[in-house]
PDB file of N, CA and C in Angstrom:
ATOM      1  N   MET A   1      -4.579 -16.272  21.656  1.00  0.00           N
ATOM      2  CA  MET A   1      -4.781 -17.136  20.295  1.00  0.00           C
ATOM      3  C   MET A   1      -3.555 -17.376  19.786  1.00  0.00           C
ATOM      4  N   SER A   2      -3.177 -18.296  19.123  1.00  0.00           N
ATOM      5  CA  SER A   2      -2.354 -18.892  18.395  1.00  0.00           C
ATOM      6  C   SER A   2      -1.893 -17.745  17.229  1.00  0.00           C
ATOM      7  N   ASP A   3      -0.624 -17.789  16.732  1.00  0.00           N
ATOM      8  CA  ASP A   3      -0.274 -16.968  15.667  1.00  0.00           C
ATOM      9  C   ASP A   3      -1.142 -17.222  14.463  1.00  0.00           C
ATOM     10  N   LEU A   4      -1.617 -18.513  14.477  1.00  0.00           N
ATOM     11  CA  LEU A   4      -2.653 -18.465  12.942  1.00  0.00           C
ATOM     12  C   LEU A   4      -3.871 -17.714  13.453  1.00  0.00           C
ATOM     13  N   GLU A   5      -4.154 -17.944  14.484  1.00  0.00           N
ATOM     14  CA  GLU A   5      -5.651 -17.332  14.863  1.00  0.00           C
ATOM     15  C   GLU A   5      -5.561 -15.744  14.761  1.00  0.00           C
ATOM     16  N   ASN A   6      -4.480 -15.359  15.190  1.00  0.00           N
ATOM     17  CA  ASN A   6      -4.227 -13.881  15.132  1.00  0.00           C
ATOM     18  C   ASN A   6      -4.206 -13.517  13.516  1.00  0.00           C
ATOM     19  N   ALA A   7      -3.518 -14.514  12.799  1.00  0.00           N
ATOM     20  CA  ALA A   7      -3.408 -13.722  11.279  1.00  0.00           C
ATOM     21  C   ALA A   7      -4.822 -13.950  10.666  1.00  0.00           C
ATOM     22  N   MET A   8      -5.623 -15.195  11.203  1.00  0.00           N
ATOM     23  CA  MET A   8      -7.061 -14.749  10.554  1.00  0.00           C
ATOM     24  C   MET A   8      -7.933 -13.572  11.073  1.00  0.00           C
ATOM     25  N   VAL A   9      -7.401 -13.159  12.333  1.00  0.00           N
ATOM     26  CA  VAL A   9      -8.414 -12.106  12.837  1.00  0.00           C
ATOM     27  C   VAL A   9      -7.892 -10.752  12.021  1.00  0.00           C
ATOM     28  N   THR A  10      -6.453 -11.038  11.562  1.00  0.00           N
ATOM     29  CA  THR A  10      -6.057  -9.587  10.876  1.00  0.00           C
ATOM     30  C   THR A  10      -6.351  -9.442   9.432  1.00  0.00           C
ATOM     31  N   ILE A  11      -6.569 -10.873   8.974  1.00  0.00           N
ATOM     32  CA  ILE A  11      -7.099 -10.866   7.516  1.00  0.00           C
ATOM     33  C   ILE A  11      -8.611 -10.402   7.638  1.00  0.00           C
ATOM     34  N   ILE A  12      -9.336 -10.593   8.572  1.00  0.00           N
ATOM     35  CA  ILE A  12     -10.738 -10.226   8.383  1.00  0.00           C
ATOM     36  C   ILE A  12     -10.856  -8.583   8.974  1.00  0.00           C
ATOM     37  N   GLU A  13      -9.764  -8.205   9.797  1.00  0.00           N
ATOM     38  CA  GLU A  13     -10.021  -6.832  10.356  1.00  0.00           C
ATOM     39  C   GLU A  13      -9.401  -5.938   8.918  1.00  0.00           C
ATOM     40  N   THR A  14      -8.757  -6.240   8.262  1.00  0.00           N
ATOM     41  CA  THR A  14      -8.082  -5.812   7.232  1.00  0.00           C
ATOM     42  C   THR A  14      -9.069  -5.717   6.018  1.00  0.00           C
ATOM     43  N   PHE A  15      -9.683  -6.425   5.730  1.00  0.00           N
ATOM     44  CA  PHE A  15     -10.946  -6.532   4.843  1.00  0.00           C
ATOM     45  C   PHE A  15     -11.835  -5.661   5.425  1.00  0.00           C
ATOM     46  N   HIS A  16     -12.100  -5.336   6.556  1.00  0.00           N
ATOM     47  CA  HIS A  16     -13.230  -4.473   7.157  1.00  0.00           C
ATOM     48  C   HIS A  16     -12.887  -3.046   7.206  1.00  0.00           C
ATOM     49  N   LYS A  17     -11.492  -2.998   7.171  1.00  0.00           N
ATOM     50  CA  LYS A  17     -10.377  -1.516   7.483  1.00  0.00           C
ATOM     51  C   LYS A  17     -11.039  -1.164   6.021  1.00  0.00           C
ATOM     52  N   TYR A  18     -11.088  -1.589   4.702  1.00  0.00           N
ATOM     53  CA  TYR A  18     -10.999  -1.165   3.354  1.00  0.00           C
ATOM     54  C   TYR A  18     -12.396  -1.234   2.791  1.00  0.00           C
ATOM     55  N   SER A  19     -13.100  -2.333   3.100  1.00  0.00           N
ATOM     56  CA  SER A  19     -14.476  -2.418   2.696  1.00  0.00           C
ATOM     57  C   SER A  19     -15.588  -1.592   3.213  1.00  0.00           C
ATOM     58  N   GLY A  20     -16.428  -0.970   2.358  1.00  0.00           N
ATOM     59  CA  GLY A  20     -17.496   0.164   2.864  1.00  0.00           C
ATOM     60  C   GLY A  20     -17.073   1.353   2.733  1.00  0.00           C
ATOM     61  N   ARG A  21     -16.047   1.968   2.412  1.00  0.00           N
ATOM     62  CA  ARG A  21     -15.460   3.145   2.344  1.00  0.00           C
ATOM     63  C   ARG A  21     -16.194   3.755   1.113  1.00  0.00           C
ATOM     64  N   GLU A  22     -16.643   3.112   0.067  1.00  0.00           N
ATOM     65  CA  GLU A  22     -17.352   3.600  -1.079  1.00  0.00           C
ATOM     66  C   GLU A  22     -18.858   3.014  -0.963  1.00  0.00           C
ATOM     67  N   GLY A  23     -19.567   2.321  -0.054  1.00  0.00           N
ATOM     68  CA  GLY A  23     -20.628   1.798  -0.400  1.00  0.00           C
ATOM     69  C   GLY A  23     -20.581   0.534   0.749  1.00  0.00           C
ATOM     70  N   ASP A  24     -20.782  -0.622  -0.143  1.00  0.00           N
ATOM     71  CA  ASP A  24     -21.552  -1.761   0.854  1.00  0.00           C
ATOM     72  C   ASP A  24     -20.243  -2.374   1.698  1.00  0.00           C
ATOM     73  N   LYS A  25     -20.326  -2.662   3.085  1.00  0.00           N
ATOM     74  CA  LYS A  25     -19.318  -2.738   3.666  1.00  0.00           C
ATOM     75  C   LYS A  25     -19.010  -4.178   3.885  1.00  0.00           C
ATOM     76  N   LEU A  26     -19.438  -4.908   3.456  1.00  0.00           N
ATOM     77  CA  LEU A  26     -19.184  -6.408   2.911  1.00  0.00           C
ATOM     78  C   LEU A  26     -18.451  -6.676   1.674  1.00  0.00           C
ATOM     79  N   LYS A  27     -18.033  -5.323   1.073  1.00  0.00           N
ATOM     80  CA  LYS A  27     -17.276  -5.847  -0.185  1.00  0.00           C
ATOM     81  C   LYS A  27     -16.725  -4.715  -0.683  1.00  0.00           C
ATOM     82  N   LEU A  28     -15.545  -5.347  -1.479  1.00  0.00           N
ATOM     83  CA  LEU A  28     -14.457  -4.074  -1.833  1.00  0.00           C
ATOM     84  C   LEU A  28     -14.681  -3.559  -3.034  1.00  0.00           C
ATOM     85  N   LYS A  29     -14.934  -2.417  -3.478  1.00  0.00           N
ATOM     86  CA  LYS A  29     -14.801  -1.689  -4.948  1.00  0.00           C
ATOM     87  C   LYS A  29     -13.318  -1.782  -5.351  1.00  0.00           C
ATOM     88  N   LYS A  30     -13.289  -1.442  -6.721  1.00  0.00           N
ATOM     89  CA  LYS A  30     -11.880  -1.525  -7.260  1.00  0.00           C
ATOM     90  C   LYS A  30     -10.968  -0.732  -6.430  1.00  0.00           C
ATOM     91  N   VAL A  31     -11.432   0.586  -6.111  1.00  0.00           N
ATOM     92  CA  VAL A  31     -10.920   1.701  -5.684  1.00  0.00           C
ATOM     93  C   VAL A  31     -10.488   1.384  -4.001  1.00  0.00           C
ATOM     94  N   GLU A  32     -11.415   0.475  -3.550  1.00  0.00           N
ATOM     95  CA  GLU A  32     -11.034   0.064  -2.186  1.00  0.00           C
ATOM     96  C   GLU A  32     -10.034  -1.245  -2.133  1.00  0.00           C
ATOM     97  N   LEU A  33      -9.987  -2.065  -3.192  1.00  0.00           N
ATOM     98  CA  LEU A  33      -9.049  -3.229  -3.315  1.00  0.00           C
ATOM     99  C   LEU A  33      -7.695  -2.658  -3.595  1.00  0.00           C
ATOM    100  N   LYS A  34      -7.317  -1.723  -4.492  1.00  0.00           N
ATOM    101  CA  LYS A  34      -6.291  -0.902  -4.908  1.00  0.00           C
ATOM    102  C   LYS A  34      -5.885  -0.498  -3.557  1.00  0.00           C
ATOM    103  N   GLU A  35      -6.389   0.406  -3.109  1.00  0.00           N
ATOM    104  CA  GLU A  35      -6.057   0.721  -1.552  1.00  0.00           C
ATOM    105  C   GLU A  35      -5.311  -0.100  -0.849  1.00  0.00           C
ATOM    106  N   LEU A  36      -6.123  -1.349  -0.642  1.00  0.00           N
ATOM    107  CA  LEU A  36      -5.704  -2.278   0.416  1.00  0.00           C
ATOM    108  C   LEU A  36      -4.434  -3.046  -0.177  1.00  0.00           C
ATOM    109  N   ILE A  37      -4.385  -2.974  -1.370  1.00  0.00           N
ATOM    110  CA  ILE A  37      -3.378  -3.880  -2.010  1.00  0.00           C
ATOM    111  C   ILE A  37      -1.998  -2.822  -1.910  1.00  0.00           C
ATOM    112  N   ASN A  38      -2.274  -1.579  -2.090  1.00  0.00           N
ATOM    113  CA  ASN A  38      -1.051  -0.650  -2.148  1.00  0.00           C
ATOM    114  C   ASN A  38      -0.579  -0.387  -0.853  1.00  0.00           C
ATOM    115  N   ASN A  39      -1.210  -0.341   0.241  1.00  0.00           N
ATOM    116  CA  ASN A  39      -1.090  -0.184   1.690  1.00  0.00           C
ATOM    117  C   ASN A  39      -0.701  -1.323   2.426  1.00  0.00           C
ATOM    118  N   GLU A  40      -1.284  -2.511   2.107  1.00  0.00           N
ATOM    119  CA  GLU A  40      -0.884  -3.712   2.951  1.00  0.00           C
ATOM    120  C   GLU A  40      -0.094  -4.932   2.175  1.00  0.00           C
ATOM    121  N   LEU A  41      -0.087  -4.972   1.028  1.00  0.00           N
ATOM    122  CA  LEU A  41       0.808  -5.869   0.050  1.00  0.00           C
ATOM    123  C   LEU A  41       1.620  -5.383  -0.713  1.00  0.00           C
ATOM    124  N   SER A  42       2.258  -3.978  -0.347  1.00  0.00           N
ATOM    125  CA  SER A  42       3.157  -3.749  -1.534  1.00  0.00           C
ATOM    126  C   SER A  42       4.378  -4.278  -1.662  1.00  0.00           C
ATOM    127  N   ASN A  43       4.784  -4.623  -0.403  1.00  0.00           N
ATOM    128  CA  ASN A  43       6.040  -5.735  -0.300  1.00  0.00           C
ATOM    129  C   ASN A  43       6.195  -6.928  -1.084  1.00  0.00           C
ATOM    130  N   PHE A  44       4.788  -7.718  -1.373  1.00  0.00           N
ATOM    131  CA  PHE A  44       4.724  -8.794  -1.850  1.00  0.00           C
ATOM    132  C   PHE A  44       4.451  -8.752  -3.089  1.00  0.00           C
ATOM    133  N   ILE A  45       3.262  -7.738  -3.329  1.00  0.00           N
ATOM    134  CA  ILE A  45       2.743  -7.452  -4.838  1.00  0.00           C
ATOM    135  C   ILE A  45       3.220  -6.268  -5.509  1.00  0.00           C
ATOM    136  N   GLY A  46       3.676  -5.250  -4.791  1.00  0.00           N
ATOM    137  CA  GLY A  46       4.087  -4.068  -5.573  1.00  0.00           C
ATOM    138  C   GLY A  46       2.580  -3.326  -5.598  1.00  0.00           C
ATOM    139  N   ASP A  47       2.957  -1.901  -5.976  1.00  0.00           N
ATOM    140  CA  ASP A  47       1.704  -0.993  -5.802  1.00  0.00           C
ATOM    141  C   ASP A  47       1.118  -1.169  -7.442  1.00  0.00           C
ATOM    142  N   ILE A  48       0.064  -1.008  -7.455  1.00  0.00           N
ATOM    143  CA  ILE A  48      -0.944  -1.202  -8.563  1.00  0.00           C
ATOM    144  C   ILE A  48      -1.120   0.148  -8.837  1.00  0.00           C
ATOM    145  N   LYS A  49      -0.318   0.836 -10.274  1.00  0.00           N
ATOM    146  CA  LYS A  49      -0.499   2.129 -10.578  1.00  0.00           C
ATOM    147  C   LYS A  49      -1.251   2.368 -11.804  1.00  0.00           C
ATOM    148  N   ASP A  50      -1.412   1.292 -12.598  1.00  0.00           N
ATOM    149  CA  ASP A  50      -2.445   1.506 -13.712  1.00  0.00           C
ATOM    150  C   ASP A  50      -3.877   0.836 -13.601  1.00  0.00           C
ATOM    151  N   GLN A  51      -4.759   1.255 -14.120  1.00  0.00           N
ATOM    152  CA  GLN A  51      -6.136   0.740 -14.309  1.00  0.00           C
ATOM    153  C   GLN A  51      -6.202  -0.722 -14.956  1.00  0.00           C
ATOM    154  N   GLU A  52      -5.574  -0.814 -15.917  1.00  0.00           N
ATOM    155  CA  GLU A  52      -5.656  -2.007 -16.554  1.00  0.00           C
ATOM    156  C   GLU A  52      -5.157  -2.916 -15.777  1.00  0.00           C
ATOM    157  N   THR A  53      -4.242  -2.764 -14.852  1.00  0.00           N
ATOM    158  CA  THR A  53      -3.801  -3.949 -13.736  1.00  0.00           C
ATOM    159  C   THR A  53      -5.049  -4.322 -13.046  1.00  0.00           C
ATOM    160  N   LEU A  54      -5.369  -3.251 -12.329  1.00  0.00           N
ATOM    161  CA  LEU A  54      -6.483  -3.317 -11.396  1.00  0.00           C
ATOM    162  C   LEU A  54      -8.224  -3.960 -11.933  1.00  0.00           C
ATOM    163  N   ASP A  55      -8.328  -3.187 -13.214  1.00  0.00           N
ATOM    164  CA  ASP A  55      -9.243  -4.003 -13.814  1.00  0.00           C
ATOM    165  C   ASP A  55      -8.960  -5.860 -14.096  1.00  0.00           C
ATOM    166  N   LYS A  56      -7.783  -6.301 -14.345  1.00  0.00           N
ATOM    167  CA  LYS A  56      -7.767  -7.325 -14.718  1.00  0.00           C
ATOM    168  C   LYS A  56      -7.618  -8.408 -13.480  1.00  0.00           C
ATOM    169  N   LEU A  57      -7.312  -7.818 -12.236  1.00  0.00           N
ATOM    170  CA  LEU A  57      -7.157  -8.392 -10.813  1.00  0.00           C
ATOM    171  C   LEU A  57      -8.707  -8.768 -10.610  1.00  0.00           C
ATOM    172  N   MET A  58      -9.318  -7.431 -10.801  1.00  0.00           N
ATOM    173  CA  MET A  58     -10.745  -7.607 -10.382  1.00  0.00           C
ATOM    174  C   MET A  58     -11.503  -8.567 -10.953  1.00  0.00           C
ATOM    175  N   GLU A  59     -11.524  -8.747 -12.289  1.00  0.00           N
ATOM    176  CA  GLU A  59     -11.827  -9.517 -13.130  1.00  0.00           C
ATOM    177  C   GLU A  59     -11.534 -11.121 -12.785  1.00  0.00           C
ATOM    178  N   SER A  60     -10.492 -11.209 -12.590  1.00  0.00           N
ATOM    179  CA  SER A  60      -9.965 -12.730 -11.818  1.00  0.00           C
ATOM    180  C   SER A  60     -10.197 -12.971 -10.568  1.00  0.00           C
ATOM    181  N   LEU A  61     -10.609 -12.006  -9.767  1.00  0.00           N
ATOM    182  CA  LEU A  61     -11.117 -12.284  -8.163  1.00  0.00           C
ATOM    183  C   LEU A  61     -12.734 -12.431  -8.110  1.00  0.00           C
ATOM    184  N   ASP A  62     -13.467 -11.463  -9.203  1.00  0.00           N
ATOM    185  CA  ASP A  62     -14.792 -11.245  -9.175  1.00  0.00           C
ATOM    186  C   ASP A  62     -15.486 -12.749  -9.735  1.00  0.00           C
ATOM    187  N   SER A  63     -15.730 -13.680  -8.966  1.00  0.00           N
ATOM    188  CA  SER A  63     -16.173 -15.175  -9.074  1.00  0.00           C
ATOM    189  C   SER A  63     -17.671 -14.700  -9.488  1.00  0.00           C
ATOM    190  N   ASP A  64     -18.469 -14.092  -8.491  1.00  0.00           N
ATOM    191  CA  ASP A  64     -19.878 -13.747  -8.981  1.00  0.00           C
ATOM    192  C   ASP A  64     -20.224 -12.957 -10.115  1.00  0.00           C
ATOM    193  N   GLY A  65     -19.338 -12.206 -10.379  1.00  0.00           N
ATOM    194  CA  GLY A  65     -19.688 -11.271 -11.401  1.00  0.00           C
ATOM    195  C   GLY A  65     -20.213  -9.672 -11.175  1.00  0.00           C
ATOM    196  N   ASP A  66     -20.335  -9.282  -9.929  1.00  0.00           N
ATOM    197  CA  ASP A  66     -20.584  -8.177  -9.190  1.00  0.00           C
ATOM    198  C   ASP A  66     -20.051  -6.996  -9.507  1.00  0.00           C
ATOM    199  N   ALA A  67     -18.604  -6.970 -10.162  1.00  0.00           N
ATOM    200  CA  ALA A  67     -17.679  -5.871  -9.984  1.00  0.00           C
ATOM    201  C   ALA A  67     -17.318  -5.283  -8.745  1.00  0.00           C
ATOM    202  N   GLU A  68     -17.424  -6.536  -7.566  1.00  0.00           N
ATOM    203  CA  GLU A  68     -16.565  -6.078  -6.503  1.00  0.00           C
ATOM    204  C   GLU A  68     -16.342  -7.491  -5.820  1.00  0.00           C
ATOM    205  N   CYS A  69     -15.439  -7.068  -5.006  1.00  0.00           N
ATOM    206  CA  CYS A  69     -14.599  -8.245  -4.218  1.00  0.00           C
ATOM    207  C   CYS A  69     -15.358  -8.806  -2.844  1.00  0.00           C
ATOM    208  N   ASP A  70     -16.056  -9.594  -2.802  1.00  0.00           N
ATOM    209  CA  ASP A  70     -16.518 -10.024  -1.433  1.00  0.00           C
ATOM    210  C   ASP A  70     -15.446 -10.495  -0.595  1.00  0.00           C
ATOM    211  N   PHE A  71     -15.821 -11.144   0.633  1.00  0.00           N
ATOM    212  CA  PHE A  71     -14.806 -11.563   1.617  1.00  0.00           C
ATOM    213  C   PHE A  71     -14.417 -12.845   1.101  1.00  0.00           C
ATOM    214  N   GLN A  72     -15.258 -13.567   0.700  1.00  0.00           N
ATOM    215  CA  GLN A  72     -14.858 -15.117   0.127  1.00  0.00           C
ATOM    216  C   GLN A  72     -13.890 -14.724  -0.996  1.00  0.00           C
ATOM    217  N   GLU A  73     -14.149 -14.228  -1.842  1.00  0.00           N
ATOM    218  CA  GLU A  73     -13.181 -14.012  -3.154  1.00  0.00           C
ATOM    219  C   GLU A  73     -11.882 -12.983  -2.443  1.00  0.00           C
ATOM    220  N   PHE A  74     -12.074 -12.490  -1.193  1.00  0.00           N
ATOM    221  CA  PHE A  74     -11.035 -11.909  -1.089  1.00  0.00           C
ATOM    222  C   PHE A  74     -10.049 -12.910  -0.399  1.00  0.00           C
ATOM    223  N   VAL A  75     -10.698 -13.696   0.220  1.00  0.00           N
ATOM    224  CA  VAL A  75      -9.705 -14.885   0.774  1.00  0.00           C
ATOM    225  C   VAL A  75      -8.966 -15.562  -0.225  1.00  0.00           C
ATOM    226  N   ALA A  76      -9.649 -15.755  -1.287  1.00  0.00           N
ATOM    227  CA  ALA A  76      -9.214 -16.678  -2.058  1.00  0.00           C
ATOM    228  C   ALA A  76      -7.885 -15.938  -2.599  1.00  0.00           C
ATOM    229  N   PHE A  77      -7.891 -14.722  -2.760  1.00  0.00           N
ATOM    230  CA  PHE A  77      -6.888 -13.988  -3.375  1.00  0.00           C
ATOM    231  C   PHE A  77      -5.779 -13.834  -2.389  1.00  0.00           C
ATOM    232  N   VAL A  78      -5.965 -14.016  -1.052  1.00  0.00           N
ATOM    233  CA  VAL A  78      -5.032 -14.013  -0.147  1.00  0.00           C
ATOM    234  C   VAL A  78      -4.285 -15.416   0.023  1.00  0.00           C
ATOM    235  N   ALA A  79      -4.989 -16.537  -0.335  1.00  0.00           N
ATOM    236  CA  ALA A  79      -4.422 -17.405  -0.104  1.00  0.00           C
ATOM    237  C   ALA A  79      -3.594 -17.615  -1.554  1.00  0.00           C
ATOM    238  N   MET A  80      -3.926 -17.323  -2.421  1.00  0.00           N
ATOM    239  CA  MET A  80      -3.205 -17.183  -3.836  1.00  0.00           C
ATOM    240  C   MET A  80      -2.169 -16.823  -3.617  1.00  0.00           C
ATOM    241  N   THR A  81      -2.012 -15.381  -3.066  1.00  0.00           N
ATOM    242  CA  THR A  81      -1.004 -14.724  -2.811  1.00  0.00           C
ATOM    243  C   THR A  81      -0.072 -15.428  -1.949  1.00  0.00           C
ATOM    244  N   THR A  82      -0.342 -15.809  -0.795  1.00  0.00           N
ATOM    245  CA  THR A  82       0.073 -16.689   0.089  1.00  0.00           C
ATOM    246  C   THR A  82       0.854 -18.045  -0.305  1.00  0.00           C
ATOM    247  N   ALA A  83       0.317 -18.668  -1.405  1.00  0.00           N
ATOM    248  CA  ALA A  83       0.760 -19.968  -1.826  1.00  0.00           C
ATOM    249  C   ALA A  83       1.882 -19.305  -3.095  1.00  0.00           C
ATOM    250  N   ALA A  84       2.051 -18.347  -3.625  1.00  0.00           N
ATOM    251  CA  ALA A  84       3.012 -17.899  -4.424  1.00  0.00           C
ATOM    252  C   ALA A  84       4.191 -17.268  -3.577  1.00  0.00           C
ATOM    253  N   CYS A  85       3.994 -16.721  -2.524  1.00  0.00           N
ATOM    254  CA  CYS A  85       4.950 -16.253  -1.725  1.00  0.00           C
ATOM    255  C   CYS A  85       5.665 -17.611  -0.854  1.00  0.00           C
ATOM    256  N   HIS A  86       4.981 -18.472  -0.748  1.00  0.00           N
ATOM    257  CA  HIS A  86       5.331 -19.619  -0.101  1.00  0.00           C
ATOM    258  C   HIS A  86       6.594 -20.084  -1.204  1.00  0.00           C
ATOM    259  N   GLU A  87       5.951 -20.434  -2.232  1.00  0.00           N
ATOM    260  CA  GLU A  87       6.889 -21.063  -3.430  1.00  0.00           C
ATOM    261  C   GLU A  87       8.202 -20.179  -3.493  1.00  0.00           C
ATOM    262  N   PHE A  88       7.847 -18.890  -3.578  1.00  0.00           N
ATOM    263  CA  PHE A  88       9.477 -17.916  -3.693  1.00  0.00           C
ATOM    264  C   PHE A  88      10.321 -18.077  -2.689  1.00  0.00           C
ATOM    265  N   PHE A  89       9.656 -18.304  -1.186  1.00  0.00           N
ATOM    266  CA  PHE A  89      10.523 -18.572  -0.063  1.00  0.00           C
ATOM    267  C   PHE A  89      11.048 -19.643  -0.039  1.00  0.00           C
ATOM    268  N   VAL A  90      10.427 -21.201  -0.603  1.00  0.00           N
ATOM    269  CA  VAL A  90      10.797 -22.101  -0.660  1.00  0.00           C
ATOM    270  C   VAL A  90      12.172 -22.226  -1.669  1.00  0.00           C
ATOM    271  N   GLN A  91      12.109 -21.776  -2.624  1.00  0.00           N
ATOM    272  CA  GLN A  91      13.106 -21.536  -3.573  1.00  0.00           C
ATOM    273  C   GLN A  91      14.129 -20.784  -3.131  1.00  0.00           C
ATOM    274  N   GLU A  92      14.073 -19.665  -2.261  1.00  0.00           N
ATOM    275  CA  GLU A  92      15.118 -18.941  -2.080  1.00  0.00           C
ATOM    276  C   GLU A  92      16.018 -19.621  -0.856  1.00  0.00           C
ATOM    277  N   ASP A  93      15.295 -20.692  -0.363  1.00  0.00           N
ATOM    278  CA  ASP A  93      16.083 -21.596   0.760  1.00  0.00           C
ATOM    279  C   ASP A  93      16.976 -22.832   0.246  1.00  0.00           C
ATOM    280  N   GLU A  94      16.733 -22.916  -1.169  1.00  0.00           N
ATOM    281  CA  GLU A  94      17.251 -24.027  -2.016  1.00  0.00           C
ATOM    282  C   GLU A  94      18.396 -23.605  -2.195  1.00  0.00           C
TER     283      GLU A  94
END
């Protein structure tokens, strides 16, 4: 597989690694989302330490209002985070 295909598989596997620990295997509850971010994205985002930050993040991701983050919502989050990181790295190169 190409690097991009491997990255896509990693995104899928990472979502499934954390989803379902507290219930529905196809969705992340807040506690699962926090654990995923703190374990897998702490270099880019930092650790989520307070409930208010987690609540705001979940609210912004939860497009269907079910208080959980499904895979489509998660992928949108990964895309937004990747775009922000890209902007940062492009500015660093200039």
